[in-house]
Amino acid sequence: MAGRILVVDDEKLIVKGIRFSLEQDGYEVDVAYDGSEALEVFEKGSYDMILLDIMLPKLSGYEVCQQIRSTSDVPIIMLTAKGEDMDKILGLDYGADDYITKPFNILEVKARIKAIMRRCKNPEKPSGDEILEKGDLRLDVSNRRVYIAGNEVNLTAKEFDVLELLFRHPEKVYSREDLLNLVWGRDYPGDERTVDVHIRRLREKIEAFPGNPKYVHTKWGVGYYFEG
């Protein structure tokens, strides 16, 4: 089995098409047609990926994404019929890993799924137990968990990957393009603003004062670095 995916969209023809195509590739697919049903189905199963429409009955995709993120770092790709940049950025702000704008090519959807799942299942990190520490920040690399002053912080998969990369190379400045290629992969079709959103979200979670960060800093006009 290639993996288990939850598809959430109120347009049944779209769901039917996605489900058929993914099952042809060996994925196990569950479906939901509104926000409330999505959360109920999610609570009953274990998923490798969620395809989540933004405009849903009962609860919006943003609300569903936010609630899932409170307990899980399962990769989420937002599906949206809206093309405005703000909607895309909002999806990332609520914890999505990626977004695809409708109408989409199913081959693009499957390529995004494979790229994200490959990255999550094969993280580029040493084997064995490993702890990275700086000040009150502690990364349990083996279990992909983060603590601030002993309190666990819930990061998404991509937020953890960004933090780990910067943490391992203190003082090294990475451009947005560097981070996009290293964390999301060179085949990722998104733009560099994705990096800015994840850095901002990361700071909000690990920094006492996000506007005056202690760990993740900006080199204006160049990129981001970790203060070692």
C-alpha atoms as a PDB file:
ATOM      1  CA  MET A   1       0.000   0.000   0.000  1.00  0.00           C
ATOM      2  CA  ALA A   2       1.425   3.380  -1.061  1.00  0.00           C
ATOM      3  CA  GLY A   3      -0.195   5.171   1.872  1.00  0.00           C
ATOM      4  CA  ARG A   4      -3.529   6.243   3.331  1.00  0.00           C
ATOM      5  CA  ILE A   5      -5.052   9.559   2.259  1.00  0.00           C
ATOM      6  CA  LEU A   6      -8.099  11.485   3.445  1.00  0.00           C
ATOM      7  CA  VAL A   7      -9.767  13.555   0.708  1.00  0.00           C
ATOM      8  CA  VAL A   8     -12.116  16.308   1.890  1.00  0.00           C
ATOM      9  CA  ASP A   9     -14.217  18.249  -0.626  1.00  0.00           C
ATOM     10  CA  ASP A  10     -17.931  18.983  -0.967  1.00  0.00           C
ATOM     11  CA  GLU A  11     -17.813  18.527  -4.758  1.00  0.00           C
ATOM     12  CA  LYS A  12     -18.497  14.818  -5.105  1.00  0.00           C
ATOM     13  CA  LEU A  13     -17.339  14.564  -8.715  1.00  0.00           C
ATOM     14  CA  ILE A  14     -13.945  15.981  -7.743  1.00  0.00           C
ATOM     15  CA  VAL A  15     -13.699  13.566  -4.823  1.00  0.00           C
ATOM     16  CA  LYS A  16     -14.667  10.664  -7.061  1.00  0.00           C
ATOM     17  CA  GLY A  17     -12.003  11.580  -9.629  1.00  0.00           C
ATOM     18  CA  ILE A  18      -9.241  12.048  -7.061  1.00  0.00           C
ATOM     19  CA  ARG A  19     -10.166   8.850  -5.255  1.00  0.00           C
ATOM     20  CA  PHE A  20     -10.183   6.776  -8.436  1.00  0.00           C
ATOM     21  CA  SER A  21      -6.816   8.144  -9.596  1.00  0.00           C
ATOM     22  CA  LEU A  22      -5.118   7.674  -6.212  1.00  0.00           C
ATOM     23  CA  GLU A  23      -6.467   4.159  -5.765  1.00  0.00           C
ATOM     24  CA  GLN A  24      -5.073   3.294  -9.186  1.00  0.00           C
ATOM     25  CA  ASP A  25      -1.650   4.199  -7.755  1.00  0.00           C
ATOM     26  CA  GLY A  26      -2.136   1.914  -4.752  1.00  0.00           C
ATOM     27  CA  TYR A  27      -3.256   4.472  -2.152  1.00  0.00           C
ATOM     28  CA  GLU A  28      -5.990   3.698   0.362  1.00  0.00           C
ATOM     29  CA  VAL A  29      -8.443   6.594   0.220  1.00  0.00           C
ATOM     30  CA  ASP A  30     -11.117   7.756   2.675  1.00  0.00           C
ATOM     31  CA  VAL A  31     -13.396  10.697   1.928  1.00  0.00           C
ATOM     32  CA  ALA A  32     -15.448  13.369   3.677  1.00  0.00           C
ATOM     33  CA  TYR A  33     -17.758  16.017   2.231  1.00  0.00           C
ATOM     34  CA  ASP A  34     -17.885  18.681   4.950  1.00  0.00           C
ATOM     35  CA  GLY A  35     -15.705  20.018   7.735  1.00  0.00           C
ATOM     36  CA  SER A  36     -17.403  18.244  10.609  1.00  0.00           C
ATOM     37  CA  GLU A  37     -17.347  14.904   8.832  1.00  0.00           C
ATOM     38  CA  ALA A  38     -13.659  15.425   8.020  1.00  0.00           C
ATOM     39  CA  LEU A  39     -12.788  15.722  11.713  1.00  0.00           C
ATOM     40  CA  GLU A  40     -14.893  12.688  12.603  1.00  0.00           C
ATOM     41  CA  VAL A  41     -13.234  10.549   9.924  1.00  0.00           C
ATOM     42  CA  PHE A  42      -9.788  11.821  10.865  1.00  0.00           C
ATOM     43  CA  GLU A  43     -10.273  10.891  14.524  1.00  0.00           C
ATOM     44  CA  LYS A  44     -11.097   7.300  13.567  1.00  0.00           C
ATOM     45  CA  GLY A  45      -8.120   6.663  11.280  1.00  0.00           C
ATOM     46  CA  SER A  46      -4.413   7.147  10.785  1.00  0.00           C
ATOM     47  CA  TYR A  47      -3.420   9.029   7.639  1.00  0.00           C
ATOM     48  CA  ASP A  48      -0.251   9.776   5.691  1.00  0.00           C
ATOM     49  CA  MET A  49      -1.751  12.782   3.905  1.00  0.00           C
ATOM     50  CA  ILE A  50      -4.873  14.962   3.832  1.00  0.00           C
ATOM     51  CA  LEU A  51      -6.209  16.764   0.761  1.00  0.00           C
ATOM     52  CA  LEU A  52      -8.441  19.480   2.210  1.00  0.00           C
ATOM     53  CA  ASP A  53     -10.707  21.881   0.340  1.00  0.00           C
ATOM     54  CA  ILE A  54     -10.982  25.375   1.814  1.00  0.00           C
ATOM     55  CA  MET A  55     -14.644  26.139   1.031  1.00  0.00           C
ATOM     56  CA  LEU A  56     -16.522  23.456   2.976  1.00  0.00           C
ATOM     57  CA  PRO A  57     -19.982  23.284   4.617  1.00  0.00           C
ATOM     58  CA  LYS A  58     -20.264  23.363   8.436  1.00  0.00           C
ATOM     59  CA  LEU A  59     -16.558  24.031   9.092  1.00  0.00           C
ATOM     60  CA  SER A  60     -14.156  25.685   6.663  1.00  0.00           C
ATOM     61  CA  GLY A  61     -10.978  23.989   5.555  1.00  0.00           C
ATOM     62  CA  TYR A  62      -9.057  26.551   7.611  1.00  0.00           C
ATOM     63  CA  GLU A  63     -10.914  25.517  10.776  1.00  0.00           C
ATOM     64  CA  VAL A  64     -10.435  21.833  10.029  1.00  0.00           C
ATOM     65  CA  CYS A  65      -6.731  22.362   9.374  1.00  0.00           C
ATOM     66  CA  GLN A  66      -6.317  24.312  12.605  1.00  0.00           C
ATOM     67  CA  GLN A  67      -8.052  21.643  14.694  1.00  0.00           C
ATOM     68  CA  ILE A  68      -6.030  18.823  13.135  1.00  0.00           C
ATOM     69  CA  ARG A  69      -2.824  20.759  13.714  1.00  0.00           C
ATOM     70  CA  SER A  70      -3.555  20.974  17.434  1.00  0.00           C
ATOM     71  CA  THR A  71      -2.969  17.221  17.720  1.00  0.00           C
ATOM     72  CA  SER A  72      -1.171  16.035  14.579  1.00  0.00           C
ATOM     73  CA  ASP A  73       1.575  16.976  12.120  1.00  0.00           C
ATOM     74  CA  VAL A  74       0.112  14.875   9.283  1.00  0.00           C
ATOM     75  CA  PRO A  75       0.915  16.587   5.943  1.00  0.00           C
ATOM     76  CA  ILE A  76      -1.988  18.697   4.643  1.00  0.00           C
ATOM     77  CA  ILE A  77      -2.449  19.991   1.104  1.00  0.00           C
ATOM     78  CA  MET A  78      -5.135  22.655   0.785  1.00  0.00           C
ATOM     79  CA  LEU A  79      -7.354  22.642  -2.310  1.00  0.00           C
ATOM     80  CA  THR A  80      -8.813  26.017  -3.262  1.00  0.00           C
ATOM     81  CA  ALA A  81     -10.817  27.444  -6.123  1.00  0.00           C
ATOM     82  CA  LYS A  82      -9.586  30.875  -5.148  1.00  0.00           C
ATOM     83  CA  GLY A  83      -6.474  32.229  -6.830  1.00  0.00           C
ATOM     84  CA  GLU A  84      -5.737  35.164  -4.545  1.00  0.00           C
ATOM     85  CA  ASP A  85      -2.387  35.019  -2.810  1.00  0.00           C
ATOM     86  CA  MET A  86      -3.946  35.852   0.561  1.00  0.00           C
ATOM     87  CA  ASP A  87      -6.029  32.689   0.534  1.00  0.00           C
ATOM     88  CA  LYS A  88      -2.945  30.610  -0.179  1.00  0.00           C
ATOM     89  CA  ILE A  89      -0.984  32.291   2.588  1.00  0.00           C
ATOM     90  CA  LEU A  90      -3.876  31.867   5.028  1.00  0.00           C
ATOM     91  CA  GLY A  91      -3.831  28.146   4.348  1.00  0.00           C
ATOM     92  CA  LEU A  92      -0.159  27.998   5.277  1.00  0.00           C
ATOM     93  CA  ASP A  93      -0.770  30.157   8.349  1.00  0.00           C
ATOM     94  CA  TYR A  94      -3.271  27.614   9.657  1.00  0.00           C
ATOM     95  CA  GLY A  95      -0.708  24.827   9.313  1.00  0.00           C
ATOM     96  CA  ALA A  96      -1.016  23.507   5.773  1.00  0.00           C
ATOM     97  CA  ASP A  97       2.128  22.156   4.126  1.00  0.00           C
ATOM     98  CA  ASP A  98       1.136  23.039   0.574  1.00  0.00           C
ATOM     99  CA  TYR A  99      -1.744  24.290  -1.558  1.00  0.00           C
ATOM    100  CA  ILE A 100      -3.109  23.566  -5.030  1.00  0.00           C
ATOM    101  CA  THR A 101      -5.433  25.901  -6.892  1.00  0.00           C
ATOM    102  CA  LYS A 102      -8.435  24.545  -8.787  1.00  0.00           C
ATOM    103  CA  PRO A 103      -8.807  23.587 -11.557  1.00  0.00           C
ATOM    104  CA  PHE A 104      -5.803  21.299 -11.194  1.00  0.00           C
ATOM    105  CA  ASN A 105      -4.162  18.499 -13.117  1.00  0.00           C
ATOM    106  CA  ILE A 106      -4.414  15.224 -11.193  1.00  0.00           C
ATOM    107  CA  LEU A 107      -0.821  14.460 -12.225  1.00  0.00           C
ATOM    108  CA  GLU A 108       0.290  17.598 -10.362  1.00  0.00           C
ATOM    109  CA  VAL A 109      -1.697  16.544  -7.301  1.00  0.00           C
ATOM    110  CA  LYS A 110      -0.065  13.117  -7.284  1.00  0.00           C
ATOM    111  CA  ALA A 111       3.384  14.643  -7.792  1.00  0.00           C
ATOM    112  CA  ARG A 112       2.890  16.928  -4.779  1.00  0.00           C
ATOM    113  CA  ILE A 113       1.657  14.029  -2.663  1.00  0.00           C
ATOM    114  CA  LYS A 114       4.632  11.860  -3.560  1.00  0.00           C
ATOM    115  CA  ALA A 115       7.133  14.666  -2.929  1.00  0.00           C
ATOM    116  CA  ILE A 116       5.755  15.499   0.524  1.00  0.00           C
ATOM    117  CA  MET A 117       5.284  11.884   1.625  1.00  0.00           C
ATOM    118  CA  ARG A 118       8.766  10.960   0.435  1.00  0.00           C
ATOM    119  CA  ARG A 119      10.205  13.801   2.464  1.00  0.00           C
ATOM    120  CA  CYS A 120       8.236  12.864   5.592  1.00  0.00           C
ATOM    121  CA  LYS A 121       9.012   9.156   5.411  1.00  0.00           C
ATOM    122  CA  ASN A 122      12.702   9.611   4.637  1.00  0.00           C
ATOM    123  CA  PRO A 123      13.907  12.619   6.627  1.00  0.00           C
ATOM    124  CA  GLU A 124      17.538  13.476   6.038  1.00  0.00           C
ATOM    125  CA  LYS A 125      18.839  12.978   9.552  1.00  0.00           C
ATOM    126  CA  PRO A 126      21.292  10.667  11.287  1.00  0.00           C
ATOM    127  CA  SER A 127      20.001   7.401  12.738  1.00  0.00           C
ATOM    128  CA  GLY A 128      19.867   6.737  16.468  1.00  0.00           C
ATOM    129  CA  ASP A 129      18.887   8.966  19.363  1.00  0.00           C
ATOM    130  CA  GLU A 130      19.970  12.558  19.013  1.00  0.00           C
ATOM    131  CA  ILE A 131      19.250  15.699  21.023  1.00  0.00           C
ATOM    132  CA  LEU A 132      20.097  19.232  19.886  1.00  0.00           C
ATOM    133  CA  GLU A 133      20.074  21.956  22.541  1.00  0.00           C
ATOM    134  CA  LYS A 134      20.615  25.693  22.657  1.00  0.00           C
ATOM    135  CA  GLY A 135      19.497  27.834  25.575  1.00  0.00           C
ATOM    136  CA  ASP A 136      15.994  26.710  26.533  1.00  0.00           C
ATOM    137  CA  LEU A 137      15.386  25.229  23.071  1.00  0.00           C
ATOM    138  CA  ARG A 138      15.647  21.444  22.774  1.00  0.00           C
ATOM    139  CA  LEU A 139      15.161  19.284  19.678  1.00  0.00           C
ATOM    140  CA  ASP A 140      14.585  15.569  20.067  1.00  0.00           C
ATOM    141  CA  VAL A 141      15.606  14.734  16.505  1.00  0.00           C
ATOM    142  CA  SER A 142      14.879  11.017  16.685  1.00  0.00           C
ATOM    143  CA  ASN A 143      11.264  11.564  17.753  1.00  0.00           C
ATOM    144  CA  ARG A 144      10.872  14.916  15.928  1.00  0.00           C
ATOM    145  CA  ARG A 145       9.749  16.752  19.054  1.00  0.00           C
ATOM    146  CA  VAL A 146      10.603  20.277  20.198  1.00  0.00           C
ATOM    147  CA  TYR A 147      10.654  21.728  23.713  1.00  0.00           C
ATOM    148  CA  ILE A 148      10.954  25.268  25.043  1.00  0.00           C
ATOM    149  CA  ALA A 149      11.951  25.434  28.717  1.00  0.00           C
ATOM    150  CA  GLY A 150      10.793  21.838  29.084  1.00  0.00           C
ATOM    151  CA  ASN A 151       7.378  22.459  27.503  1.00  0.00           C
ATOM    152  CA  GLU A 152       6.626  20.676  24.246  1.00  0.00           C
ATOM    153  CA  VAL A 153       5.858  22.831  21.212  1.00  0.00           C
ATOM    154  CA  ASN A 154       3.724  21.373  18.424  1.00  0.00           C
ATOM    155  CA  LEU A 155       5.450  21.968  15.076  1.00  0.00           C
ATOM    156  CA  THR A 156       4.316  20.819  11.658  1.00  0.00           C
ATOM    157  CA  ALA A 157       6.591  18.496   9.686  1.00  0.00           C
ATOM    158  CA  LYS A 158       7.924  21.340   7.543  1.00  0.00           C
ATOM    159  CA  GLU A 159       8.423  23.685  10.508  1.00  0.00           C
ATOM    160  CA  PHE A 160      10.491  20.998  12.199  1.00  0.00           C
ATOM    161  CA  ASP A 161      12.527  20.393   9.036  1.00  0.00           C
ATOM    162  CA  VAL A 162      13.307  24.105   8.678  1.00  0.00           C
ATOM    163  CA  LEU A 163      14.290  24.443  12.333  1.00  0.00           C
ATOM    164  CA  GLU A 164      16.454  21.316  12.283  1.00  0.00           C
ATOM    165  CA  LEU A 165      18.307  22.437   9.161  1.00  0.00           C
ATOM    166  CA  LEU A 166      19.040  25.896  10.586  1.00  0.00           C
ATOM    167  CA  PHE A 167      19.910  24.456  14.014  1.00  0.00           C
ATOM    168  CA  ARG A 168      22.487  22.061  12.531  1.00  0.00           C
ATOM    169  CA  HIS A 169      24.280  24.885  10.730  1.00  0.00           C
ATOM    170  CA  PRO A 170      24.416  27.837  13.159  1.00  0.00           C
ATOM    171  CA  GLU A 171      25.350  31.216  11.695  1.00  0.00           C
ATOM    172  CA  LYS A 172      25.006  29.908   8.131  1.00  0.00           C
ATOM    173  CA  VAL A 173      22.630  32.086   6.148  1.00  0.00           C
ATOM    174  CA  TYR A 174      20.200  30.239   3.902  1.00  0.00           C
ATOM    175  CA  SER A 175      18.372  32.095   1.161  1.00  0.00           C
ATOM    176  CA  ARG A 176      14.684  31.462   0.628  1.00  0.00           C
ATOM    177  CA  GLU A 177      15.555  29.513  -2.498  1.00  0.00           C
ATOM    178  CA  ASP A 178      18.045  27.386  -0.525  1.00  0.00           C
ATOM    179  CA  LEU A 179      15.438  26.530   2.114  1.00  0.00           C
ATOM    180  CA  LEU A 180      12.786  25.816  -0.494  1.00  0.00           C
ATOM    181  CA  ASN A 181      15.106  23.391  -2.308  1.00  0.00           C
ATOM    182  CA  LEU A 182      16.483  21.696   0.817  1.00  0.00           C
ATOM    183  CA  VAL A 183      13.264  21.369   2.819  1.00  0.00           C
ATOM    184  CA  TRP A 184      10.536  21.133   0.182  1.00  0.00           C
ATOM    185  CA  GLY A 185      12.697  19.635  -2.581  1.00  0.00           C
ATOM    186  CA  ARG A 186      13.795  20.927  -5.969  1.00  0.00           C
ATOM    187  CA  ASP A 187      10.673  19.524  -7.601  1.00  0.00           C
ATOM    188  CA  TYR A 188       8.395  21.623  -5.362  1.00  0.00           C
ATOM    189  CA  PRO A 189       6.452  24.043  -7.591  1.00  0.00           C
ATOM    190  CA  GLY A 190       5.583  26.582  -4.871  1.00  0.00           C
ATOM    191  CA  ASP A 191       7.178  29.994  -4.434  1.00  0.00           C
ATOM    192  CA  GLU A 192       9.553  31.471  -1.879  1.00  0.00           C
ATOM    193  CA  ARG A 193       6.789  33.139   0.149  1.00  0.00           C
ATOM    194  CA  THR A 194       6.061  29.674   1.495  1.00  0.00           C
ATOM    195  CA  VAL A 195       9.375  29.919   3.364  1.00  0.00           C
ATOM    196  CA  ASP A 196       8.510  33.321   4.850  1.00  0.00           C
ATOM    197  CA  VAL A 197       5.194  32.014   6.183  1.00  0.00           C
ATOM    198  CA  HIS A 198       6.812  28.960   7.789  1.00  0.00           C
ATOM    199  CA  ILE A 199       9.574  31.071   9.370  1.00  0.00           C
ATOM    200  CA  ARG A 200       7.005  33.467  10.812  1.00  0.00           C
ATOM    201  CA  ARG A 201       4.912  30.592  12.174  1.00  0.00           C
ATOM    202  CA  LEU A 202       8.016  28.912  13.591  1.00  0.00           C
ATOM    203  CA  ARG A 203       9.038  32.083  15.416  1.00  0.00           C
ATOM    204  CA  GLU A 204       5.567  32.467  16.891  1.00  0.00           C
ATOM    205  CA  LYS A 205       5.925  29.006  18.416  1.00  0.00           C
ATOM    206  CA  ILE A 206       9.523  28.973  19.681  1.00  0.00           C
ATOM    207  CA  GLU A 207      10.381  32.611  20.329  1.00  0.00           C
ATOM    208  CA  ALA A 208       9.329  34.493  23.456  1.00  0.00           C
ATOM    209  CA  PHE A 209       9.351  37.680  21.340  1.00  0.00           C
ATOM    210  CA  PRO A 210       8.831  36.784  17.664  1.00  0.00           C
ATOM    211  CA  GLY A 211       9.538  40.353  16.581  1.00  0.00           C
ATOM    212  CA  ASN A 212      12.911  40.223  18.321  1.00  0.00           C
ATOM    213  CA  PRO A 213      13.940  36.578  17.856  1.00  0.00           C
ATOM    214  CA  LYS A 214      16.533  34.811  19.954  1.00  0.00           C
ATOM    215  CA  TYR A 215      17.104  31.828  17.665  1.00  0.00           C
ATOM    216  CA  VAL A 216      15.892  32.244  14.081  1.00  0.00           C
ATOM    217  CA  HIS A 217      17.175  35.492  12.600  1.00  0.00           C
ATOM    218  CA  THR A 218      16.805  37.349   9.323  1.00  0.00           C
ATOM    219  CA  LYS A 219      19.757  38.533   7.275  1.00  0.00           C
ATOM    220  CA  TRP A 220      18.009  41.299   5.404  1.00  0.00           C
ATOM    221  CA  GLY A 221      18.125  40.881   1.671  1.00  0.00           C
ATOM    222  CA  VAL A 222      19.814  37.478   1.997  1.00  0.00           C
ATOM    223  CA  GLY A 223      17.839  34.942   4.027  1.00  0.00           C
ATOM    224  CA  TYR A 224      17.587  33.272   7.445  1.00  0.00           C
ATOM    225  CA  TYR A 225      20.010  31.793   9.973  1.00  0.00           C
ATOM    226  CA  PHE A 226      20.144  30.223  13.428  1.00  0.00           C
ATOM    227  CA  GLU A 227      21.979  32.070  16.178  1.00  0.00           C
ATOM    228  CA  GLY A 228      24.447  29.502  17.531  1.00  0.00           C
END
